Structure formats: C-alpha cells, structure tokens
N, C-alpha and C. Protein backbone atom coordinates (compact mmCIF):
# COMPACT_ATOMS: atom_id res chain seq x y z
N UNK A 1 24.48 78.09 -129.80
CA UNK A 1 23.92 79.11 -129.40
C UNK A 1 24.26 79.93 -127.66
N UNK A 2 25.31 79.68 -126.74
CA UNK A 2 25.29 79.85 -125.78
C UNK A 2 26.57 80.83 -126.30
N UNK A 3 27.26 80.37 -127.59
CA UNK A 3 28.93 80.84 -127.71
C UNK A 3 28.79 81.63 -128.49
N UNK A 4 27.46 81.74 -129.67
CA UNK A 4 27.35 82.79 -130.53
C UNK A 4 27.76 84.27 -130.08
N UNK A 5 28.76 84.87 -130.83
CA UNK A 5 29.15 86.44 -130.83
C UNK A 5 27.65 87.19 -131.49
N UNK A 6 27.26 86.85 -132.51
CA UNK A 6 26.73 87.76 -132.96
C UNK A 6 25.29 87.34 -133.28
N UNK A 7 24.63 88.33 -133.30
CA UNK A 7 23.14 88.01 -133.04
C UNK A 7 22.19 87.51 -134.60
N UNK A 8 23.20 87.22 -136.04
CA UNK A 8 23.00 86.67 -136.99
C UNK A 8 23.24 85.26 -136.70
N UNK A 9 23.81 84.73 -135.84
CA UNK A 9 24.80 83.70 -136.02
C UNK A 9 23.37 82.66 -134.70
N UNK A 10 23.22 83.58 -133.51
CA UNK A 10 22.42 83.26 -132.76
C UNK A 10 20.66 83.03 -132.97
N UNK A 11 20.69 83.99 -134.22
CA UNK A 11 19.38 83.54 -134.92
C UNK A 11 19.13 82.23 -135.34
N UNK A 12 20.49 82.23 -136.71
CA UNK A 12 20.25 80.90 -137.36
C UNK A 12 20.19 79.61 -135.86
N UNK A 13 20.90 79.79 -135.10
CA UNK A 13 20.88 79.00 -134.96
C UNK A 13 19.79 78.25 -133.81
N UNK A 14 19.10 79.34 -133.32
CA UNK A 14 17.72 79.05 -132.39
C UNK A 14 16.82 79.07 -133.62
N UNK A 15 16.87 79.11 -135.07
CA UNK A 15 16.05 78.94 -135.43
C UNK A 15 16.10 77.21 -136.19
N UNK A 16 17.43 76.62 -135.84
CA UNK A 16 17.56 75.26 -136.48
C UNK A 16 16.49 74.49 -134.76
N UNK A 17 17.07 74.79 -133.86
CA UNK A 17 16.65 74.29 -132.71
C UNK A 17 15.19 74.19 -132.73
N UNK A 18 14.44 75.62 -132.89
CA UNK A 18 13.00 75.38 -133.11
C UNK A 18 12.27 74.50 -134.32
N UNK A 19 13.11 74.13 -135.00
CA UNK A 19 12.79 73.19 -136.01
C UNK A 19 12.61 72.05 -135.43
N UNK A 20 13.73 71.83 -134.91
CA UNK A 20 14.15 70.15 -134.18
C UNK A 20 12.69 69.92 -133.09
N UNK A 21 13.01 70.96 -132.12
CA UNK A 21 12.02 70.55 -130.93
C UNK A 21 11.79 72.29 -130.33
N UNK A 22 10.66 72.27 -130.58
CA UNK A 22 9.80 73.30 -130.66
C UNK A 22 10.12 74.22 -128.14
N UNK A 23 9.54 72.70 -128.32
CA UNK A 23 9.91 72.60 -126.44
C UNK A 23 11.17 73.15 -125.83
N UNK A 24 12.53 72.75 -126.37
CA UNK A 24 13.73 73.36 -126.36
C UNK A 24 14.25 74.79 -126.38
N UNK A 25 13.39 75.28 -127.47
CA UNK A 25 13.20 76.45 -127.77
C UNK A 25 12.73 77.66 -126.79
N UNK A 26 11.14 76.85 -126.38
CA UNK A 26 10.46 77.20 -125.12
C UNK A 26 10.88 77.57 -124.20
N UNK A 27 11.49 76.17 -123.46
CA UNK A 27 12.13 75.94 -122.43
C UNK A 27 13.91 77.35 -122.49
N UNK A 28 14.58 77.11 -123.23
CA UNK A 28 15.46 78.28 -123.40
C UNK A 28 15.40 80.37 -123.20
N UNK A 29 14.32 79.93 -123.54
CA UNK A 29 13.89 81.04 -124.03
C UNK A 29 13.15 81.81 -122.00
N UNK A 30 12.53 80.61 -121.42
CA UNK A 30 12.11 80.56 -120.30
C UNK A 30 13.30 81.13 -119.63
N UNK A 31 14.33 80.48 -119.45
CA UNK A 31 15.75 80.48 -118.65
C UNK A 31 16.03 82.09 -118.73
N UNK A 32 15.49 82.66 -119.78
CA UNK A 32 16.27 84.12 -119.80
C UNK A 32 17.56 84.06 -120.36
N UNK A 33 17.61 84.66 -121.48
CA UNK A 33 19.08 84.66 -122.43
C UNK A 33 20.08 85.19 -122.08
N UNK A 34 19.97 86.40 -120.86
CA UNK A 34 21.27 86.63 -120.25
C UNK A 34 21.73 85.91 -120.00
N UNK A 35 21.25 84.58 -118.89
CA UNK A 35 21.99 83.62 -118.28
C UNK A 35 22.49 82.75 -118.66
N UNK A 36 22.32 82.26 -120.25
CA UNK A 36 23.18 81.38 -120.95
C UNK A 36 23.75 81.85 -122.26
N UNK A 37 23.24 82.91 -122.53
CA UNK A 37 23.89 83.07 -123.89
C UNK A 37 24.79 84.33 -124.03
N UNK A 38 25.99 84.12 -124.84
CA UNK A 38 26.97 85.31 -124.29
C UNK A 38 26.87 86.55 -125.26
N UNK A 39 25.92 86.26 -125.67
CA UNK A 39 25.58 87.71 -126.72
C UNK A 39 24.31 88.58 -126.04
N UNK A 40 24.02 87.74 -124.69
CA UNK A 40 22.67 89.03 -123.99
C UNK A 40 24.03 88.65 -122.88
N UNK A 41 24.29 88.57 -122.50
CA UNK A 41 25.29 88.25 -121.12
C UNK A 41 25.70 89.83 -120.70
N UNK A 42 24.99 90.47 -119.64
CA UNK A 42 25.23 91.80 -118.84
C UNK A 42 26.55 91.73 -118.29
N UNK A 43 27.16 91.15 -118.15
CA UNK A 43 28.98 91.08 -117.50
C UNK A 43 29.64 90.22 -118.39
N UNK A 44 31.33 90.91 -118.51
CA UNK A 44 31.97 89.70 -118.65
C UNK A 44 31.84 88.63 -117.86
N UNK A 45 31.87 87.65 -118.04
CA UNK A 45 32.13 86.20 -117.15
C UNK A 45 32.96 85.34 -117.93
N UNK A 46 33.94 85.91 -118.42
CA UNK A 46 35.22 85.27 -119.15
C UNK A 46 34.54 84.29 -120.27
N UNK A 47 34.18 84.73 -120.89
CA UNK A 47 33.52 83.28 -122.11
C UNK A 47 34.64 83.13 -122.93
N UNK A 48 35.04 84.44 -123.69
CA UNK A 48 36.28 84.48 -124.16
C UNK A 48 37.33 83.42 -123.74
N UNK A 49 37.60 83.33 -122.42
CA UNK A 49 39.22 82.81 -122.02
C UNK A 49 39.03 81.76 -121.75
N UNK A 50 40.23 80.94 -121.97
CA UNK A 50 40.46 79.13 -122.32
C UNK A 50 39.59 78.61 -120.82
N UNK A 51 39.96 77.30 -121.19
CA UNK A 51 39.51 76.89 -120.11
C UNK A 51 40.50 76.45 -118.77
N UNK A 52 40.10 76.27 -117.71
CA UNK A 52 41.49 76.03 -116.73
C UNK A 52 42.41 74.87 -117.04
N UNK A 53 41.82 73.90 -117.33
CA UNK A 53 42.74 72.96 -118.00
C UNK A 53 43.59 73.30 -119.11
N UNK A 54 43.29 74.37 -119.98
CA UNK A 54 43.90 74.72 -121.00
C UNK A 54 45.11 75.91 -120.25
N UNK A 55 44.65 76.74 -119.53
CA UNK A 55 45.90 77.31 -118.64
C UNK A 55 46.62 76.32 -118.02
N UNK A 56 46.44 75.21 -117.32
CA UNK A 56 47.12 74.65 -116.63
C UNK A 56 48.06 73.84 -117.59
N UNK A 57 47.74 73.44 -118.87
CA UNK A 57 48.93 72.48 -119.54
C UNK A 57 49.49 73.65 -120.22
N UNK A 58 49.52 74.41 -120.61
CA UNK A 58 50.34 75.37 -121.11
C UNK A 58 51.42 76.00 -120.18
N UNK A 59 50.90 75.69 -118.64
CA UNK A 59 52.33 77.08 -117.91
C UNK A 59 52.97 75.22 -117.63
N UNK A 60 52.89 74.10 -118.37
CA UNK A 60 53.26 72.51 -117.46
C UNK A 60 54.06 72.14 -118.65
N UNK A 61 53.77 72.65 -119.86
CA UNK A 61 54.45 72.58 -121.29
C UNK A 61 55.96 71.77 -121.18
N UNK A 62 56.64 72.79 -120.30
CA UNK A 62 58.20 71.92 -119.90
C UNK A 62 58.38 71.26 -119.23
N UNK A 63 57.23 71.00 -118.12
CA UNK A 63 57.23 69.81 -116.70
C UNK A 63 57.25 68.37 -117.70
N UNK A 64 55.75 68.67 -119.06
CA UNK A 64 55.74 67.50 -118.95
C UNK A 64 57.21 66.39 -119.76
N UNK A 65 57.91 66.95 -120.01
CA UNK A 65 59.46 66.16 -120.00
C UNK A 65 60.01 65.31 -118.94
N UNK A 66 59.75 66.06 -117.56
CA UNK A 66 60.07 65.77 -116.74
C UNK A 66 60.38 64.31 -116.21
N UNK A 67 60.56 63.20 -114.85
CA UNK A 67 60.10 62.09 -114.73
C UNK A 67 58.47 62.45 -114.02
N UNK A 68 58.35 61.50 -113.65
CA UNK A 68 56.75 61.71 -113.29
C UNK A 68 56.94 62.36 -111.44
N UNK A 69 57.87 62.06 -110.72
CA UNK A 69 57.87 62.54 -109.83
C UNK A 69 58.29 64.34 -109.56
N UNK A 70 59.00 64.41 -110.48
CA UNK A 70 59.69 65.68 -110.90
C UNK A 70 58.33 66.61 -111.13
N UNK A 71 57.50 65.93 -112.13
CA UNK A 71 56.64 66.74 -112.94
C UNK A 71 55.24 66.82 -111.77
N UNK A 72 55.45 66.03 -110.98
CA UNK A 72 53.92 66.11 -109.93
C UNK A 72 54.29 67.21 -108.97
N UNK A 73 55.62 67.31 -108.78
CA UNK A 73 56.66 68.38 -107.70
C UNK A 73 56.36 69.94 -108.57
N UNK A 74 56.92 69.97 -109.60
CA UNK A 74 56.21 71.11 -110.59
C UNK A 74 54.60 71.56 -110.18
N UNK A 75 54.03 70.74 -110.38
CA UNK A 75 52.92 70.83 -110.53
C UNK A 75 52.20 71.60 -108.97
N UNK A 76 52.42 70.73 -108.04
CA UNK A 76 52.32 71.51 -106.87
C UNK A 76 52.89 72.52 -106.28
N UNK A 77 54.36 72.80 -107.04
CA UNK A 77 54.99 74.28 -106.83
C UNK A 77 54.10 75.34 -107.56
N UNK A 78 53.72 75.08 -108.21
CA UNK A 78 53.22 76.19 -109.67
C UNK A 78 51.35 76.28 -108.70
N UNK A 79 50.72 75.38 -108.27
CA UNK A 79 49.40 75.59 -107.66
C UNK A 79 50.11 76.09 -106.37
N UNK A 80 50.71 76.10 -105.53
CA UNK A 80 51.17 76.88 -104.76
C UNK A 80 51.44 78.57 -104.61
N UNK A 81 52.47 78.21 -105.59
CA UNK A 81 52.27 79.90 -106.25
C UNK A 81 51.57 80.86 -106.59
N UNK A 82 50.37 80.00 -107.53
CA UNK A 82 49.13 80.49 -107.72
C UNK A 82 47.96 81.53 -106.79
N UNK A 83 48.17 79.85 -105.49
CA UNK A 83 47.22 80.28 -104.24
C UNK A 83 48.10 81.23 -103.40
N UNK A 84 49.26 81.18 -103.34
CA UNK A 84 50.25 82.50 -102.34
C UNK A 84 49.62 83.85 -103.36
N UNK A 85 49.77 83.66 -104.81
CA UNK A 85 49.12 85.19 -105.50
C UNK A 85 48.16 85.49 -105.35
N UNK A 86 46.78 84.47 -105.76
CA UNK A 86 45.26 84.92 -105.77
C UNK A 86 44.94 85.38 -104.46
N UNK A 87 45.43 84.50 -103.57
CA UNK A 87 45.29 84.88 -102.00
C UNK A 87 46.11 86.41 -101.54
N UNK A 88 47.06 86.33 -101.82
CA UNK A 88 47.67 87.66 -101.03
C UNK A 88 47.12 89.12 -102.30
N UNK A 89 46.87 89.09 -103.59
CA UNK A 89 45.93 90.06 -104.50
C UNK A 89 44.54 90.00 -103.81
N UNK A 90 44.27 88.92 -103.82
CA UNK A 90 42.79 89.01 -103.20
C UNK A 90 42.38 89.52 -101.93
N UNK A 91 43.71 89.80 -101.32
CA UNK A 91 43.24 90.34 -99.76
C UNK A 91 44.19 91.59 -99.70
N UNK A 92 43.55 92.77 -99.01
CA UNK A 92 44.51 94.09 -99.53
C UNK A 92 45.26 94.55 -98.24
N UNK A 93 45.53 93.38 -97.45
CA UNK A 93 46.07 93.98 -96.22
C UNK A 93 47.33 92.76 -96.21
N UNK A 94 47.92 93.84 -94.74
CA UNK A 94 49.16 93.45 -94.96
C UNK A 94 49.32 93.01 -93.37
N UNK A 95 49.42 91.60 -93.29
CA UNK A 95 48.92 92.00 -91.71
C UNK A 95 50.51 91.62 -91.09
N UNK A 96 50.27 91.27 -89.40
CA UNK A 96 51.77 91.36 -88.79
C UNK A 96 52.70 90.04 -89.11
N UNK A 97 51.92 88.84 -89.50
CA UNK A 97 52.49 87.41 -89.87
C UNK A 97 52.97 87.94 -91.01
N UNK A 98 52.21 88.68 -92.17
CA UNK A 98 52.89 88.95 -93.17
C UNK A 98 54.29 89.38 -93.36
N UNK A 99 54.19 90.33 -92.40
CA UNK A 99 55.66 91.27 -92.31
C UNK A 99 56.33 90.50 -91.82
N UNK A 100 56.27 89.25 -90.46
CA UNK A 100 57.43 88.56 -90.03
C UNK A 100 58.17 87.53 -90.91
N UNK A 101 57.03 86.88 -91.69
CA UNK A 101 57.29 86.14 -92.86
C UNK A 101 57.83 86.88 -94.14
N UNK A 102 58.01 87.83 -94.13
CA UNK A 102 58.63 88.68 -94.98
C UNK A 102 60.06 89.33 -94.65
N UNK A 103 60.23 89.18 -93.12
CA UNK A 103 61.25 89.50 -92.66
C UNK A 103 62.05 88.29 -92.48
N UNK A 104 61.85 87.17 -92.32
CA UNK A 104 62.44 85.80 -91.72
C UNK A 104 62.42 85.70 -93.47
N UNK A 105 62.06 86.21 -94.79
CA UNK A 105 62.68 85.65 -95.80
C UNK A 105 64.01 86.66 -96.54
N UNK A 106 64.05 87.83 -95.54
CA UNK A 106 64.83 88.87 -96.42
C UNK A 106 65.90 88.27 -95.60
N UNK A 107 65.57 87.88 -94.07
CA UNK A 107 67.29 87.26 -92.87
C UNK A 107 67.64 85.89 -93.98
N UNK A 108 66.67 85.42 -94.65
CA UNK A 108 67.33 83.78 -95.48
C UNK A 108 67.19 84.38 -96.81
N UNK A 109 68.29 85.24 -97.41
CA UNK A 109 67.95 85.41 -98.54
C UNK A 109 68.60 84.21 -99.66
N UNK A 110 69.83 83.52 -98.60
CA UNK A 110 70.18 82.46 -99.28
C UNK A 110 69.82 81.32 -99.58
N UNK A 111 68.77 81.37 -98.76
CA UNK A 111 68.08 80.17 -98.76
C UNK A 111 66.47 80.71 -100.31
N UNK A 112 66.27 79.68 -100.80
CA UNK A 112 65.30 79.64 -101.64
C UNK A 112 64.26 79.42 -101.18
N UNK A 113 63.31 80.55 -101.04
CA UNK A 113 62.13 80.52 -100.40
C UNK A 113 61.09 80.55 -101.39
N UNK A 114 60.00 79.68 -101.46
CA UNK A 114 58.96 79.56 -102.60
C UNK A 114 57.36 79.74 -101.50
N UNK A 115 56.47 80.43 -101.75
CA UNK A 115 54.89 80.62 -100.96
C UNK A 115 54.54 79.70 -101.71
N UNK A 116 53.59 78.75 -100.29
CA UNK A 116 52.25 78.16 -101.30
C UNK A 116 51.12 78.69 -100.58
N UNK A 117 51.26 79.09 -99.94
CA UNK A 117 49.70 80.20 -98.91
C UNK A 117 50.60 80.73 -98.02
N UNK A 118 49.84 81.71 -96.88
CA UNK A 118 50.37 82.86 -96.69
C UNK A 118 51.33 82.23 -95.60
N UNK A 119 50.96 80.93 -94.76
CA UNK A 119 51.27 80.46 -93.80
C UNK A 119 52.50 79.31 -94.29
N UNK A 120 52.23 78.25 -95.47
CA UNK A 120 53.10 77.46 -95.65
C UNK A 120 54.16 77.81 -97.05
N UNK A 121 55.08 77.25 -96.78
CA UNK A 121 56.45 77.86 -97.95
C UNK A 121 57.55 76.90 -97.72
N UNK A 122 58.11 76.96 -98.81
CA UNK A 122 58.70 75.49 -99.20
C UNK A 122 60.13 76.19 -99.12
N UNK A 123 61.22 75.79 -98.66
CA UNK A 123 62.53 76.57 -98.45
C UNK A 123 63.30 75.62 -99.00
N UNK A 124 64.38 76.20 -99.65
CA UNK A 124 65.56 75.55 -100.30
C UNK A 124 66.77 75.67 -99.84
N UNK A 125 67.77 74.79 -98.99
CA UNK A 125 68.82 74.82 -98.58
C UNK A 125 69.90 74.09 -99.56
N UNK A 126 70.68 74.69 -100.45
CA UNK A 126 71.66 73.74 -101.07
C UNK A 126 70.72 72.62 -101.67
N UNK A 127 70.90 71.33 -100.86
CA UNK A 127 70.20 69.98 -101.38
C UNK A 127 68.97 69.61 -100.34
N UNK A 128 69.14 70.57 -99.84
CA UNK A 128 67.97 70.06 -98.42
C UNK A 128 66.78 70.79 -98.78
N UNK A 129 65.57 70.32 -98.82
CA UNK A 129 64.30 70.90 -98.75
C UNK A 129 63.34 70.73 -97.68
N UNK A 130 62.42 71.83 -97.68
CA UNK A 130 61.86 71.75 -96.33
C UNK A 130 60.46 72.20 -96.63
N UNK A 131 59.42 72.13 -95.95
CA UNK A 131 58.12 72.64 -96.08
C UNK A 131 57.96 73.28 -94.32
N UNK A 132 57.94 74.64 -94.44
CA UNK A 132 57.49 75.33 -93.42
C UNK A 132 56.17 75.63 -93.17
N UNK A 133 55.60 75.54 -91.96
CA UNK A 133 54.39 75.44 -91.84
C UNK A 133 54.24 77.33 -90.64
N UNK A 134 53.97 78.18 -90.65
CA UNK A 134 54.53 79.07 -90.38
C UNK A 134 53.23 79.16 -88.69
N UNK A 135 51.76 79.07 -89.67
CA UNK A 135 50.95 78.50 -88.72
C UNK A 135 50.72 77.99 -87.68
N UNK A 136 51.47 76.44 -87.64
CA UNK A 136 51.44 75.40 -86.97
C UNK A 136 52.91 75.78 -86.27
N UNK A 137 53.98 76.55 -86.44
CA UNK A 137 55.34 76.87 -86.37
C UNK A 137 55.98 75.22 -86.43
N UNK A 138 55.62 74.90 -87.16
CA UNK A 138 56.21 73.15 -87.90
C UNK A 138 57.06 73.12 -88.99
N UNK A 139 57.72 72.47 -89.38
CA UNK A 139 58.04 71.77 -90.88
C UNK A 139 58.77 70.59 -90.35
N UNK A 140 59.02 70.55 -92.03
CA UNK A 140 59.37 68.78 -92.50
C UNK A 140 60.07 69.01 -93.39
N UNK A 141 61.53 67.69 -92.94
CA UNK A 141 62.05 68.04 -94.13
C UNK A 141 61.89 66.83 -95.12
N UNK A 142 62.02 67.40 -96.42
CA UNK A 142 61.95 66.45 -98.15
C UNK A 142 62.90 65.61 -98.10
N UNK A 143 62.65 63.80 -98.09
CA UNK A 143 63.90 63.20 -97.98
C UNK A 143 64.35 63.28 -99.68
N UNK A 144 63.58 63.34 -100.47
CA UNK A 144 63.92 63.03 -102.34
C UNK A 144 64.18 64.81 -102.35
N UNK A 145 65.31 64.36 -102.89
CA UNK A 145 65.97 66.21 -103.55
C UNK A 145 65.46 65.83 -105.30
N UNK A 146 65.01 66.20 -106.29
CA UNK A 146 65.00 66.39 -107.52
C UNK A 146 66.40 66.82 -107.89
N UNK A 147 66.28 65.40 -108.82
CA UNK A 147 67.87 65.39 -110.02
C UNK A 147 67.89 66.87 -111.13
N UNK A 148 66.85 67.17 -111.54
CA UNK A 148 67.06 68.13 -112.62
C UNK A 148 68.04 69.37 -111.99
C-alpha cells in the first residue's frame, strides 16, 4: 500500500489487509495516510527515486573492476566530490576562504586538485598525491600511488 500509485491499487491492497487483520488496517488509518502512502502524500518525497545504494552502485560500475585499494580510493573520491558539490550547492554564499581556495586552484593549474569538502582537497602532482586541509593549514603526502 505505501507504494501504490492509483486509488484502485491502494483500495485493493487495503481490502486484503482488512481481511487478514482489521487491527492493522485501523492502525494504518489512525496514522494518517499522507504520512505513509505515496498516493496521499502532499509533497514529493522522492518516492520514485532509486535507493541511495542503487545510486552509489550505478556510479561505481567501472570501479568494480579495480583492485580493492583502487576501488576504495575511487569510493573516497566520489563521496568527497558529492560532499563538496552538495555543500557548495546548499550554501549560496561565497566566503573569503572559498575565494582563496579558488585562487590557489588557479595558481596550481598544472596540479590535479579535487575538492572533498570546502577545506579538504586532494592534490595530484605527477606521481605524488597530497591531502590538503586549509582549515588546519596542514597537508599529508600519501605514499601509495595507484597504478591505474
């Protein structure tokens, strides 16, 4: 019933529930249909979207062929990009720190810079890789370099 798209489908399933156990049907009715049934929802809550796991799996299709280390690195980078983009899109401000980080990015155009958050970046410089934290003004060099 929660996933029913039409009134007929919903009524048919509700009838089945009433036949099996009327107490369950009464409980569901007391909970207000708009809180649990797609058909009665007053807002789009993403009912038709795929689950988060399916979305992640779709984005990692190619990475499944990699070694476990490279796969985990790809997962880390993907979540870093998502986190950065979602946070940036969620805040409609452009702070001084973001201006500085953008300027740093322009100065280091020969590097491959990937944002993870507004303060943490992964910097690829040829065969070397660094994690840069602008908030604490620190960095660390990653010793393992992927062979892909």
